[in-house]
C-alpha cells in the first residue's frame, strides 16, 4: 500500500515545489485565499466523497477569481502536482514482478484519483487504488485501514504501508499492518528488502 502525495508524487514537475507556489502570478490569487475560501470549508466533505469538487470550487472561484474556470484550476492543480518519483516506481515494478500486489492507498477525491491512474499512467504500475472519496473514510482513521484490509482479504501482517505521515504510520501499526515511514531521504531499495 503506497501513499501518493509526498511519496510517489512529489510536487511540481519542474522543481518539486508545492503545486501552488506560483499560483498568484499564474492565476491572480494566493494559495492562502484558495485555502480560506475552498479547502478549509469544503475539503473534508470532498475528500470523503460526500461532496463534489467542481460544485464547491465553482462557488469559491466566483468570490476570488471569477475569470478562472473550475476546469482551468483543476487542470493547473493536477498538472502542477504530478512529479513522479521514478526510482520508487521502478522499485515497485520489481516488487510486482515477484508476484506481490501493489496498490495506492491515498486520501483523494474522485477527479484526481482518476487523473493519477489515467493521465499520469499509474494504472500500469499498480494493481489498483484505494482512495478516501470512494471508501468514505480517510487516513489516519482506522476505518480506512479496515476497509482496505477487507478489500484485499489479507491479514494485517501481510500488508505494508509506505507513507510520509507519522499519524498514518501509527494507525497502520495499530491495525496490525507493517509500515515504512517515507521521507525525502528514504532509499527506494528498502521497499524490496521489506517485501522479500
Protein backbone atom coordinates (compact mmCIF):
# COMPACT_ATOMS: atom_id res chain seq x y z
CA UNK A 1 0.00 0.00 0.00
CA UNK A 2 1.71 3.14 -1.24
CA UNK A 3 0.69 6.68 -0.37
CA UNK A 4 0.67 9.17 -3.25
CA UNK A 5 1.43 12.75 -2.20
CA UNK A 6 4.85 13.07 -0.57
CA UNK A 7 5.77 9.51 -1.53
CA UNK A 8 5.05 8.59 -5.15
CA UNK A 9 4.15 12.08 -6.34
CA UNK A 10 6.36 14.89 -5.14
CA UNK A 11 5.29 18.39 -6.17
CA UNK A 12 5.76 20.35 -9.38
CA UNK A 13 7.35 18.53 -12.33
CA UNK A 14 9.86 21.33 -12.88
CA UNK A 15 11.24 21.66 -9.35
CA UNK A 16 9.34 19.53 -6.81
CA UNK A 17 7.92 22.57 -5.02
CA UNK A 18 4.29 22.80 -3.84
CA UNK A 19 1.78 22.99 -6.71
CA UNK A 20 0.51 26.39 -5.55
CA UNK A 21 3.93 28.06 -5.39
CA UNK A 22 3.33 30.33 -8.42
CA UNK A 23 -0.46 30.43 -8.31
CA UNK A 24 -0.63 34.17 -7.65
CA UNK A 25 1.49 35.04 -10.70
CA UNK A 26 -0.24 32.45 -12.87
CA UNK A 27 -3.89 32.80 -11.83
CA UNK A 28 -4.14 36.01 -9.82
CA UNK A 29 -4.93 34.82 -6.29
CA UNK A 30 -2.92 33.41 -3.42
CA UNK A 31 -2.86 29.83 -2.18
CA UNK A 32 -3.88 31.27 1.21
CA UNK A 33 -7.04 32.77 -0.29
CA UNK A 34 -7.85 29.47 -2.03
CA UNK A 35 -7.35 27.63 1.25
CA UNK A 36 -9.62 30.02 3.11
CA UNK A 37 -12.41 30.02 0.52
CA UNK A 38 -12.23 26.41 -0.67
CA UNK A 39 -10.04 23.94 1.19
CA UNK A 40 -10.82 24.97 4.78
CA UNK A 41 -14.64 24.90 4.49
CA UNK A 42 -15.17 22.13 1.92
CA UNK A 43 -12.20 19.77 1.58
CA UNK A 44 -13.19 17.32 4.32
CA UNK A 45 -16.53 16.57 2.63
CA UNK A 46 -14.93 16.42 -0.82
CA UNK A 47 -12.10 14.06 0.13
CA UNK A 48 -14.60 11.79 1.89
CA UNK A 49 -16.82 11.64 -1.20
CA UNK A 50 -19.73 13.49 0.42
CA UNK A 51 -19.48 16.46 -1.97
CA UNK A 52 -18.19 17.08 -5.47
CA UNK A 53 -15.05 19.08 -6.14
CA UNK A 54 -16.39 21.17 -9.02
CA UNK A 55 -19.52 22.42 -7.25
CA UNK A 56 -17.64 23.97 -4.31
CA UNK A 57 -14.73 25.11 -6.45
CA UNK A 58 -17.13 26.99 -8.74
CA UNK A 59 -18.59 28.89 -5.78
CA UNK A 60 -15.15 29.69 -4.34
CA UNK A 61 -13.79 30.94 -7.67
CA UNK A 62 -16.80 33.21 -8.14
CA UNK A 63 -15.61 35.02 -5.00
CA UNK A 64 -11.86 35.08 -5.55
CA UNK A 65 -11.24 34.83 -9.31
CA UNK A 66 -14.38 34.89 -11.49
CA UNK A 67 -12.31 34.76 -14.69
CA UNK A 68 -10.73 31.42 -13.72
CA UNK A 69 -12.89 28.42 -14.60
CA UNK A 70 -13.11 25.42 -12.26
CA UNK A 71 -11.83 23.17 -15.06
CA UNK A 72 -8.93 25.54 -15.63
CA UNK A 73 -7.93 25.49 -11.98
CA UNK A 74 -8.30 21.72 -11.73
CA UNK A 75 -6.05 21.25 -14.79
CA UNK A 76 -3.49 23.68 -13.37
CA UNK A 77 -3.54 21.97 -9.95
CA UNK A 78 -3.29 18.41 -11.20
CA UNK A 79 -0.57 19.18 -13.76
CA UNK A 80 1.46 21.17 -11.23
CA UNK A 81 1.18 18.37 -8.64
CA UNK A 82 2.43 15.50 -10.76
CA UNK A 83 6.18 14.89 -10.40
CA UNK A 84 6.56 11.12 -10.18
CA UNK A 85 9.31 9.65 -8.04
CA UNK A 86 10.78 7.43 -10.77
CA UNK A 87 13.21 5.40 -8.60
CA UNK A 88 10.36 4.33 -6.32
CA UNK A 89 8.17 3.43 -9.31
CA UNK A 90 11.00 1.23 -10.64
CA UNK A 91 11.36 -0.45 -7.27
CA UNK A 92 7.62 -1.11 -7.08
CA UNK A 93 7.77 -2.71 -10.55
CA UNK A 94 10.44 -5.10 -9.28
CA UNK A 95 8.28 -5.93 -6.25
CA UNK A 96 5.28 -6.62 -8.53
CA UNK A 97 7.42 -8.85 -10.74
CA UNK A 98 7.79 -11.21 -7.75
CA UNK A 99 4.00 -11.61 -7.55
CA UNK A 100 3.38 -9.16 -4.71
CA UNK A 101 0.40 -6.88 -5.33
CA UNK A 102 0.99 -3.12 -5.13
CA UNK A 103 -1.84 -0.66 -4.53
CA UNK A 104 -2.14 3.07 -4.00
CA UNK A 105 -3.68 3.92 -0.60
CA UNK A 106 -4.39 7.62 -0.55
CA UNK A 107 -6.62 10.48 0.53
CA UNK A 108 -8.02 11.75 -2.79
CA UNK A 109 -11.24 12.94 -4.31
CA UNK A 110 -12.63 11.27 -7.45
CA UNK A 111 -11.23 13.55 -10.17
CA UNK A 112 -7.62 13.46 -9.01
CA UNK A 113 -7.78 9.72 -8.34
CA UNK A 114 -8.80 9.26 -11.99
CA UNK A 115 -6.07 11.68 -13.13
CA UNK A 116 -3.41 9.76 -11.19
CA UNK A 117 -4.42 6.44 -12.66
CA UNK A 118 -5.20 7.50 -16.23
CA UNK A 119 -3.35 10.71 -17.18
CA UNK A 120 -0.27 10.10 -15.02
CA UNK A 121 -0.37 6.45 -16.00
CA UNK A 122 -0.10 4.94 -12.55
CA UNK A 123 -2.66 2.28 -13.51
CA UNK A 124 0.07 0.46 -15.42
CA UNK A 125 2.37 0.45 -12.37
CA UNK A 126 -0.04 -0.73 -9.65
CA UNK A 127 -2.77 -3.31 -9.13
CA UNK A 128 -5.38 -0.76 -8.10
CA UNK A 129 -6.14 2.25 -5.94
CA UNK A 130 -7.89 2.63 -2.60
CA UNK A 131 -8.83 6.25 -2.02
CA UNK A 132 -10.81 8.12 0.58
CA UNK A 133 -13.66 9.50 -1.54
CA UNK A 134 -14.51 6.02 -2.78
CA UNK A 135 -14.15 4.38 0.64
CA UNK A 136 -15.94 7.12 2.59
CA UNK A 137 -13.06 7.09 5.08
CA UNK A 138 -9.63 8.68 5.11
CA UNK A 139 -6.26 8.11 6.67
CA UNK A 140 -5.45 8.18 9.54
CA UNK A 141 -8.93 6.94 10.56
CA UNK A 142 -8.93 3.24 11.44
CA UNK A 143 -11.99 2.76 9.20
CA UNK A 144 -9.84 3.45 6.11
CA UNK A 145 -7.42 0.68 7.08
CA UNK A 146 -10.21 -1.76 7.94
CA UNK A 147 -11.94 -1.22 4.60
CA UNK A 148 -8.71 -1.63 2.63
CA UNK A 149 -7.79 -4.78 4.51
CA UNK A 150 -11.24 -6.27 3.94
CA UNK A 151 -10.99 -5.49 0.22
CA UNK A 152 -7.62 -7.22 -0.26
CA UNK A 153 -8.51 -10.11 2.03
CA UNK A 154 -5.12 -10.37 3.72
CA UNK A 155 -4.15 -10.49 7.38
CA UNK A 156 -2.65 -7.22 8.61
CA UNK A 157 0.85 -8.61 9.00
CA UNK A 158 0.94 -9.28 5.24
CA UNK A 159 0.18 -5.65 4.37
CA UNK A 160 2.87 -2.97 4.22
CA UNK A 161 2.01 0.75 4.15
CA UNK A 162 4.55 3.21 2.76
CA UNK A 163 3.53 6.70 3.86
CA UNK A 164 5.09 10.07 4.69
CA UNK A 165 2.66 10.81 7.56
CA UNK A 166 3.63 9.61 11.02
CA UNK A 167 -0.05 9.58 12.03
CA UNK A 168 -0.88 7.24 9.16
CA UNK A 169 2.06 5.01 10.05
CA UNK A 170 0.95 4.83 13.69
CA UNK A 171 -2.61 3.86 12.72
CA UNK A 172 -1.34 1.23 10.28
CA UNK A 173 0.73 -0.32 13.08
CA UNK A 174 -2.30 -0.27 15.40
CA UNK A 175 -4.25 -2.05 12.65
CA UNK A 176 -1.62 -4.80 12.69
CA UNK A 177 0.00 -3.77 9.40
CA UNK A 178 3.67 -3.35 8.67
CA UNK A 179 4.65 0.24 7.93
CA UNK A 180 7.52 2.24 6.47
CA UNK A 181 7.76 5.96 7.22
CA UNK A 182 8.84 7.58 3.93
CA UNK A 183 10.94 10.74 3.96
CA UNK A 184 12.82 12.72 1.31
CA UNK A 185 15.92 10.76 2.36
CA UNK A 186 14.35 7.29 2.07
CA UNK A 187 16.04 4.94 -0.34
CA UNK A 188 13.68 3.11 -2.73
CA UNK A 189 15.60 -0.16 -2.41
CA UNK A 190 14.38 -0.51 1.19
CA UNK A 191 10.95 -1.34 -0.25
CA UNK A 192 12.15 -4.54 -1.91
CA UNK A 193 14.02 -5.62 1.20
CA UNK A 194 10.87 -5.24 3.29
CA UNK A 195 8.75 -7.15 0.76
CA UNK A 196 11.00 -10.21 0.42
